[in-house]
Amino acid sequence: MRGYGAPVMFAVAAFGAMCGARPVTAATWHVAADGSAQFQSIQKAIDAARDGDTILIRAGRYVEDVTVHSKARLKIIGEDRERVVIAGLNRVGTLHIGKWPYGATDVEISGLTIQQHGGLGVGIFNGERIVLKDLRVNGQVFGQEVRDVRIEHCDVGGSETTGLAFADSDATLTDNTIHDNDHGVSVGGTSTVHLERNVVTRNLFEAVLAADNAQVTLLQNTLANNGGGVAFQDNAGGRVEGNIITGAKVGIAWGAQSEVTIARNGLYDNGVDYLVGGKAVVATEAIKAFAGVYASPMFVAPERGDYRLKEDSPMWNVGGFAYLGAVGVVE
């Protein structure tokens, strides 16, 4: 028996039956803040869990520091991200995934709101194959020396530094909303990060900043009303294609040392669309070189954060894309 006296289920596999062994199957643990489940504490449930287990968290507010390390194939699932809130207690960072030198592998976390503590909401350290989906994070999400991180359908905002930041890591960001931070996404070191169909808006500085030797791919994102659009610094490089970039001081900027592929983006109402080595590229050259669309994207209701395209938007069917930007379906 494990935890608070919860029964451990056993299954007899063919080999086990032959030799008389009874291997333990994956268990499901329940957490409730009101004490009506096996655990009141998320951390205690994690500590009790073994590889392959699932932890289900009922609605409530959990004031604690949570760490997942030395675990594999663990799932942590909240009942509803609007009703399950984890607030930090003592340290910087409410939720830590991985820990030097232990790490974490094949961990999936979903259905929660995570409130920052000390400026950090989620820290991912020394792990691989980490999935975060359907989370609301108030504060920064930071990854360092992690591999194959996937962040999907999350809302990340309210950081006084960067919404999502990566150092020496590999990550894929898909269908997220990243808003109201200093920078939207910051990528440094030797990181490789792929951004696809994200909405990045109302950040004080760049929506996406790549530095050092990072490689960043932006495909069909909407970067709207940020201080800057996309900037490549130092030896950073990558690909920028199929995005809508609007309302920035500079749409896309890169230096002489950066190797950047740019094609078929929609740029509108930026102070400067392209800044190369500190010099603006004039519109006629830009149109010829990068095959962009230079017209209003015609969002449905950007003042309400609705960045779908109207039926008569010029961003439909451009260069092989069904639509440019993150969200093209008009219901």
Protein backbone atom coordinates (compact mmCIF):
# COMPACT_ATOMS: atom_id res chain seq x y z
CA MET A 1 0.00 0.00 0.00
CA ARG A 2 1.17 3.52 -0.81
CA GLY A 3 0.24 7.00 0.26
CA TYR A 4 -2.72 7.36 2.63
CA GLY A 5 -3.64 3.71 2.61
CA ALA A 6 -4.78 3.70 -1.02
CA PRO A 7 -4.87 0.19 -2.48
CA VAL A 8 -2.21 -0.74 -4.97
CA MET A 9 -3.62 -2.56 -7.99
CA PHE A 10 -1.84 -5.59 -9.36
CA ALA A 11 -1.94 -7.19 -12.81
CA VAL A 12 -0.66 -10.58 -13.83
CA ALA A 13 1.26 -10.41 -17.09
CA ALA A 14 1.94 -13.56 -19.09
CA PHE A 15 5.55 -13.72 -18.02
CA GLY A 16 4.63 -12.81 -14.46
CA ALA A 17 2.07 -15.57 -14.30
CA MET A 18 4.64 -18.10 -15.45
CA CYS A 19 7.13 -17.13 -12.78
CA GLY A 20 4.65 -16.24 -10.07
CA ALA A 21 5.49 -12.50 -10.03
CA ARG A 22 2.80 -9.82 -9.79
CA PRO A 23 4.06 -6.54 -11.30
CA VAL A 24 2.52 -3.30 -10.01
CA THR A 25 0.38 -1.43 -12.54
CA ALA A 26 0.26 2.35 -12.85
CA ALA A 27 -1.81 3.96 -10.09
CA THR A 28 -4.04 7.03 -10.06
CA TRP A 29 -3.82 9.36 -7.07
CA HIS A 30 -6.34 12.06 -6.14
CA VAL A 31 -5.61 15.43 -4.51
CA ALA A 32 -8.24 17.72 -2.95
CA ALA A 33 -7.57 20.90 -1.01
CA ASP A 34 -10.54 20.21 1.27
CA GLY A 35 -9.13 16.87 2.45
CA SER A 36 -11.72 14.71 0.69
CA ALA A 37 -9.15 12.73 -1.34
CA GLN A 38 -6.03 10.67 -0.67
CA PHE A 39 -3.88 13.82 -0.44
CA GLN A 40 -4.37 17.48 0.42
CA SER A 41 -0.90 18.35 -0.87
CA ILE A 42 0.15 18.08 -4.51
CA GLN A 43 3.77 17.63 -3.46
CA LYS A 44 2.95 14.71 -1.19
CA ALA A 45 1.10 13.00 -4.03
CA ILE A 46 4.11 13.52 -6.33
CA ASP A 47 6.46 12.12 -3.71
CA ALA A 48 4.28 9.03 -3.33
CA ALA A 49 3.85 8.45 -7.07
CA ARG A 50 5.93 5.97 -9.01
CA ASP A 51 6.90 6.02 -12.67
CA GLY A 52 3.85 5.82 -14.92
CA ASP A 53 1.35 7.02 -12.31
CA THR A 54 -1.29 9.74 -12.78
CA ILE A 55 -2.18 12.47 -10.28
CA LEU A 56 -5.61 14.09 -10.56
CA ILE A 57 -6.06 17.44 -8.82
CA ARG A 58 -9.53 18.63 -7.84
CA ALA A 59 -10.61 22.26 -7.90
CA GLY A 60 -9.06 24.39 -5.18
CA ARG A 61 -6.22 26.71 -4.27
CA TYR A 62 -2.95 25.03 -3.27
CA VAL A 63 -0.45 27.27 -1.50
CA GLU A 64 2.76 25.27 -1.78
CA ASP A 65 6.02 24.87 -3.69
CA VAL A 66 5.81 21.95 -6.12
CA THR A 67 8.79 20.01 -7.53
CA VAL A 68 8.78 17.07 -9.94
CA HIS A 69 12.12 15.28 -10.26
CA SER A 70 13.46 11.75 -10.56
CA LYS A 71 10.14 10.75 -12.12
CA ALA A 72 9.29 9.25 -15.52
CA ARG A 73 5.99 8.94 -17.38
CA LEU A 74 4.16 10.91 -14.70
CA LYS A 75 0.94 12.77 -15.53
CA ILE A 76 -0.38 15.61 -13.38
CA ILE A 77 -3.85 16.69 -14.46
CA GLY A 78 -5.95 19.48 -13.00
CA GLU A 79 -9.74 19.33 -13.04
CA ASP A 80 -10.01 22.76 -14.76
CA ARG A 81 -7.31 25.37 -15.25
CA GLU A 82 -9.73 28.10 -14.16
CA ARG A 83 -10.46 26.33 -10.87
CA VAL A 84 -7.18 24.64 -9.90
CA VAL A 85 -4.64 27.21 -8.72
CA ILE A 86 -1.13 26.56 -7.44
CA ALA A 87 0.42 29.48 -5.58
CA GLY A 88 4.02 29.42 -4.40
CA LEU A 89 5.01 29.51 -0.77
CA ASN A 90 8.69 30.07 0.03
CA ARG A 91 11.06 29.81 -2.94
CA VAL A 92 11.48 31.48 -6.32
CA GLY A 93 9.38 29.49 -8.77
CA THR A 94 6.05 27.89 -7.89
CA LEU A 95 6.50 24.77 -10.05
CA HIS A 96 9.90 23.18 -10.73
CA ILE A 97 10.20 20.31 -13.19
CA GLY A 98 13.55 18.54 -13.08
CA LYS A 99 16.34 19.28 -10.67
CA TRP A 100 20.10 19.05 -10.98
CA PRO A 101 21.47 16.42 -11.10
CA TYR A 102 18.30 14.30 -11.20
CA GLY A 103 16.08 15.64 -13.99
CA ALA A 104 12.67 14.35 -15.09
CA THR A 105 11.53 12.41 -18.15
CA ASP A 106 8.22 12.07 -20.00
CA VAL A 107 6.30 14.30 -17.60
CA GLU A 108 2.98 15.83 -18.69
CA ILE A 109 1.20 18.58 -16.75
CA SER A 110 -2.16 20.07 -17.74
CA GLY A 111 -5.29 21.85 -16.53
CA LEU A 112 -3.82 24.21 -13.92
CA THR A 113 -3.26 27.87 -13.15
CA ILE A 114 0.20 28.55 -11.77
CA GLN A 115 0.84 31.85 -10.04
CA GLN A 116 4.38 33.14 -10.01
CA HIS A 117 6.38 33.41 -6.82
CA GLY A 118 9.45 35.62 -6.86
CA GLY A 119 8.81 36.34 -10.55
CA LEU A 120 9.02 32.72 -11.73
CA GLY A 121 5.95 30.63 -12.46
CA VAL A 122 7.45 27.45 -13.94
CA GLY A 123 11.11 26.40 -14.06
CA ILE A 124 12.15 23.38 -16.16
CA PHE A 125 15.65 22.13 -15.41
CA ASN A 126 17.64 19.18 -16.73
CA GLY A 127 14.80 17.13 -18.16
CA GLU A 128 13.52 15.74 -21.44
CA ARG A 129 10.20 15.12 -23.11
CA ILE A 130 8.27 17.52 -20.91
CA VAL A 131 4.75 18.51 -21.99
CA LEU A 132 2.85 21.50 -20.60
CA LYS A 133 -0.63 22.01 -22.02
CA ASP A 134 -3.76 23.94 -21.16
CA LEU A 135 -2.02 25.86 -18.38
CA ARG A 136 -2.46 29.46 -17.32
CA VAL A 137 0.83 30.83 -16.00
CA ASN A 138 1.12 34.17 -14.26
CA GLY A 139 4.83 34.95 -14.47
CA GLN A 140 7.77 33.51 -16.37
CA VAL A 141 8.22 30.02 -17.78
CA PHE A 142 11.97 29.27 -17.89
CA GLY A 143 13.76 26.28 -19.37
CA GLN A 144 17.47 25.52 -18.97
CA GLU A 145 19.30 22.49 -20.38
CA VAL A 146 16.09 20.65 -21.25
CA ARG A 147 15.28 18.67 -24.37
CA ASP A 148 12.06 18.12 -26.30
CA VAL A 149 9.85 20.45 -24.29
CA ARG A 150 6.38 20.99 -25.75
CA ILE A 151 4.17 23.84 -24.57
CA GLU A 152 0.67 23.79 -26.08
CA HIS A 153 -2.56 25.76 -25.63
CA CYS A 154 -1.20 27.71 -22.67
CA ASP A 155 -1.78 31.30 -21.56
CA VAL A 156 1.41 32.94 -20.29
CA GLY A 157 1.37 36.54 -19.11
CA GLY A 158 2.14 39.08 -16.46
CA SER A 159 5.91 38.55 -16.21
CA GLU A 160 8.05 41.56 -15.36
CA THR A 161 10.81 40.01 -17.47
CA THR A 162 10.06 37.45 -20.22
CA GLY A 163 6.99 35.29 -20.71
CA LEU A 164 8.91 32.22 -21.92
CA ALA A 165 12.70 32.04 -21.80
CA PHE A 166 15.03 29.23 -22.88
CA ALA A 167 18.77 28.69 -22.39
CA ASP A 168 20.58 25.77 -24.07
CA SER A 169 17.28 23.97 -24.62
CA ASP A 170 15.06 22.47 -27.33
CA ALA A 171 11.40 23.44 -27.28
CA THR A 172 8.25 23.66 -29.41
CA LEU A 173 5.57 26.26 -28.63
CA THR A 174 2.22 25.71 -30.33
CA ASP A 175 -1.16 27.49 -30.09
CA ASN A 176 -0.27 29.56 -27.03
CA THR A 177 -1.21 33.11 -26.05
CA ILE A 178 1.77 35.07 -24.68
CA HIS A 179 0.95 38.54 -23.46
CA ASP A 180 1.69 41.49 -21.19
CA ASN A 181 5.31 40.70 -20.36
CA ASP A 182 8.50 42.68 -20.91
CA HIS A 183 9.59 40.32 -23.73
CA GLY A 184 7.27 37.68 -25.12
CA VAL A 185 9.73 34.87 -25.88
CA SER A 186 13.48 35.00 -25.29
CA VAL A 187 15.82 32.34 -26.67
CA GLY A 188 19.54 32.19 -25.87
CA GLY A 189 22.63 30.02 -25.68
CA THR A 190 22.53 27.08 -28.07
CA SER A 191 18.75 26.66 -27.91
CA THR A 192 16.58 25.50 -30.79
CA VAL A 193 13.00 26.70 -30.49
CA HIS A 194 10.06 26.31 -32.89
CA LEU A 195 7.05 28.62 -32.57
CA GLU A 196 3.90 27.84 -34.53
CA ARG A 197 0.41 29.40 -34.43
CA ASN A 198 1.04 31.41 -31.26
CA VAL A 199 -0.48 34.82 -30.52
CA VAL A 200 2.09 37.12 -28.93
CA THR A 201 0.68 40.49 -27.95
CA ARG A 202 1.06 43.56 -25.73
CA ASN A 203 4.63 42.86 -24.67
CA LEU A 204 6.72 45.91 -23.82
CA PHE A 205 9.70 44.97 -26.00
CA GLU A 206 10.19 42.31 -28.70
CA ALA A 207 7.61 39.61 -29.18
CA VAL A 208 10.45 37.16 -29.93
CA LEU A 209 14.14 37.76 -29.21
CA ALA A 210 16.87 35.32 -30.31
CA ALA A 211 20.44 35.83 -29.11
CA ASP A 212 23.82 34.09 -28.78
CA ASN A 213 23.83 31.00 -31.05
CA ALA A 214 20.13 30.21 -30.82
CA GLN A 215 18.12 28.95 -33.77
CA VAL A 216 14.47 30.01 -33.87
CA THR A 217 11.73 29.11 -36.35
CA LEU A 218 8.55 31.19 -36.47
CA LEU A 219 5.76 29.74 -38.58
CA GLN A 220 2.24 31.22 -38.75
CA ASN A 221 2.34 33.26 -35.55
CA THR A 222 0.52 36.53 -34.91
CA LEU A 223 2.75 39.15 -33.29
CA ALA A 224 0.51 42.12 -32.61
CA ASN A 225 1.03 45.39 -30.76
CA ASN A 226 4.36 44.61 -29.14
CA GLY A 227 7.25 47.03 -28.72
CA GLY A 228 9.16 45.04 -31.37
CA GLY A 229 8.44 42.10 -33.62
CA VAL A 230 11.23 39.53 -34.12
CA ALA A 231 14.89 40.31 -33.47
CA PHE A 232 17.97 38.16 -34.11
CA GLN A 233 21.12 39.25 -32.27
CA ASP A 234 24.72 38.00 -32.10
CA ASN A 235 25.01 34.76 -34.11
CA ALA A 236 21.39 33.76 -33.71
CA GLY A 237 19.48 32.76 -36.82
CA GLY A 238 16.43 30.97 -38.08
CA ARG A 239 13.34 31.13 -40.25
CA VAL A 240 10.43 33.60 -40.25
CA GLU A 241 7.60 32.59 -42.57
CA GLY A 242 3.82 32.88 -42.68
CA ASN A 243 3.56 35.23 -39.69
CA ILE A 244 1.57 38.42 -39.20
CA ILE A 245 3.59 41.18 -37.55
CA THR A 246 1.79 44.43 -36.82
CA GLY A 247 2.02 47.43 -34.52
CA ALA A 248 5.75 47.14 -33.71
CA LYS A 249 8.52 49.71 -33.88
CA VAL A 250 10.51 47.22 -35.99
CA GLY A 251 8.88 44.21 -37.63
CA ILE A 252 11.89 41.93 -38.23
CA ALA A 253 15.48 42.82 -37.31
CA TRP A 254 18.71 40.90 -37.81
CA GLY A 255 22.41 41.62 -37.92
CA ALA A 256 25.16 40.92 -40.42
CA GLN A 257 26.20 37.75 -38.58
CA SER A 258 22.72 36.26 -38.50
CA GLU A 259 21.55 33.75 -41.09
CA VAL A 260 17.82 34.30 -41.37
CA THR A 261 15.31 33.03 -43.95
CA ILE A 262 12.33 35.35 -44.41
CA ALA A 263 9.33 34.80 -46.69
CA ARG A 264 5.59 35.40 -47.01
CA ASN A 265 4.88 37.35 -43.85
CA GLY A 266 2.13 39.90 -43.42
CA LEU A 267 3.53 43.19 -42.12
CA TYR A 268 1.41 46.23 -41.36
CA ASP A 269 1.55 49.42 -39.31
CA ASN A 270 5.13 48.90 -38.10
CA GLY A 271 7.54 51.81 -37.72
CA VAL A 272 10.00 49.88 -39.89
CA ASP A 273 9.21 46.50 -41.45
CA TYR A 274 12.81 45.28 -41.85
CA LEU A 275 15.97 46.40 -40.09
CA VAL A 276 19.14 44.76 -41.40
CA GLY A 277 22.40 45.51 -39.65
CA GLY A 278 20.84 48.59 -38.13
CA LYS A 279 19.59 49.93 -41.49
CA ALA A 280 16.01 49.93 -42.72
CA VAL A 281 15.20 48.09 -45.94
CA VAL A 282 12.89 50.21 -48.07
CA ALA A 283 9.49 48.84 -48.95
CA THR A 284 10.08 48.24 -52.65
CA GLU A 285 13.20 46.17 -51.93
CA ALA A 286 11.45 44.31 -49.13
CA ILE A 287 8.47 43.38 -51.27
CA LYS A 288 10.73 42.08 -54.00
CA ALA A 289 13.08 40.20 -51.68
CA PHE A 290 10.69 38.68 -49.15
CA ALA A 291 7.34 38.29 -50.98
CA GLY A 292 5.41 39.75 -48.07
CA VAL A 293 1.90 41.15 -47.79
CA TYR A 294 1.83 44.80 -46.77
CA ALA A 295 -1.79 45.51 -45.90
CA SER A 296 -4.08 45.48 -42.88
CA PRO A 297 -4.64 41.88 -41.72
CA MET A 298 -8.27 42.75 -40.90
CA PHE A 299 -8.61 40.94 -37.60
CA VAL A 300 -12.11 40.28 -36.28
CA ALA A 301 -11.74 42.21 -32.99
CA PRO A 302 -8.12 42.84 -31.95
CA GLU A 303 -9.23 45.16 -29.14
CA ARG A 304 -10.74 42.07 -27.51
CA GLY A 305 -7.80 39.83 -28.36
CA ASP A 306 -9.66 38.18 -31.25
CA TYR A 307 -7.02 37.78 -33.96
CA ARG A 308 -9.05 35.66 -36.35
CA LEU A 309 -9.15 36.97 -39.90
CA LYS A 310 -12.21 38.43 -41.56
CA GLU A 311 -13.39 36.73 -44.70
CA ASP A 312 -12.01 39.50 -46.94
CA SER A 313 -8.59 39.66 -45.26
CA PRO A 314 -5.62 39.75 -47.67
CA MET A 315 -3.87 37.16 -45.45
CA TRP A 316 -5.83 34.22 -46.90
CA ASN A 317 -4.10 31.84 -49.35
CA VAL A 318 -0.65 33.40 -49.50
CA GLY A 319 2.32 31.43 -50.82
CA GLY A 320 0.89 28.00 -50.09
CA PHE A 321 -0.51 28.91 -46.66
CA ALA A 322 -4.24 28.57 -46.11
CA TYR A 323 -3.83 31.76 -44.10
CA LEU A 324 -1.05 33.82 -42.55
CA GLY A 325 -0.88 34.30 -38.81
CA ALA A 326 -1.96 32.15 -35.89
CA VAL A 327 -5.75 31.93 -36.12
CA GLY A 328 -7.44 31.99 -39.50
CA VAL A 329 -10.84 30.40 -38.94
CA VAL A 330 -13.88 32.68 -38.84
CA GLU A 331 -16.76 30.94 -37.09
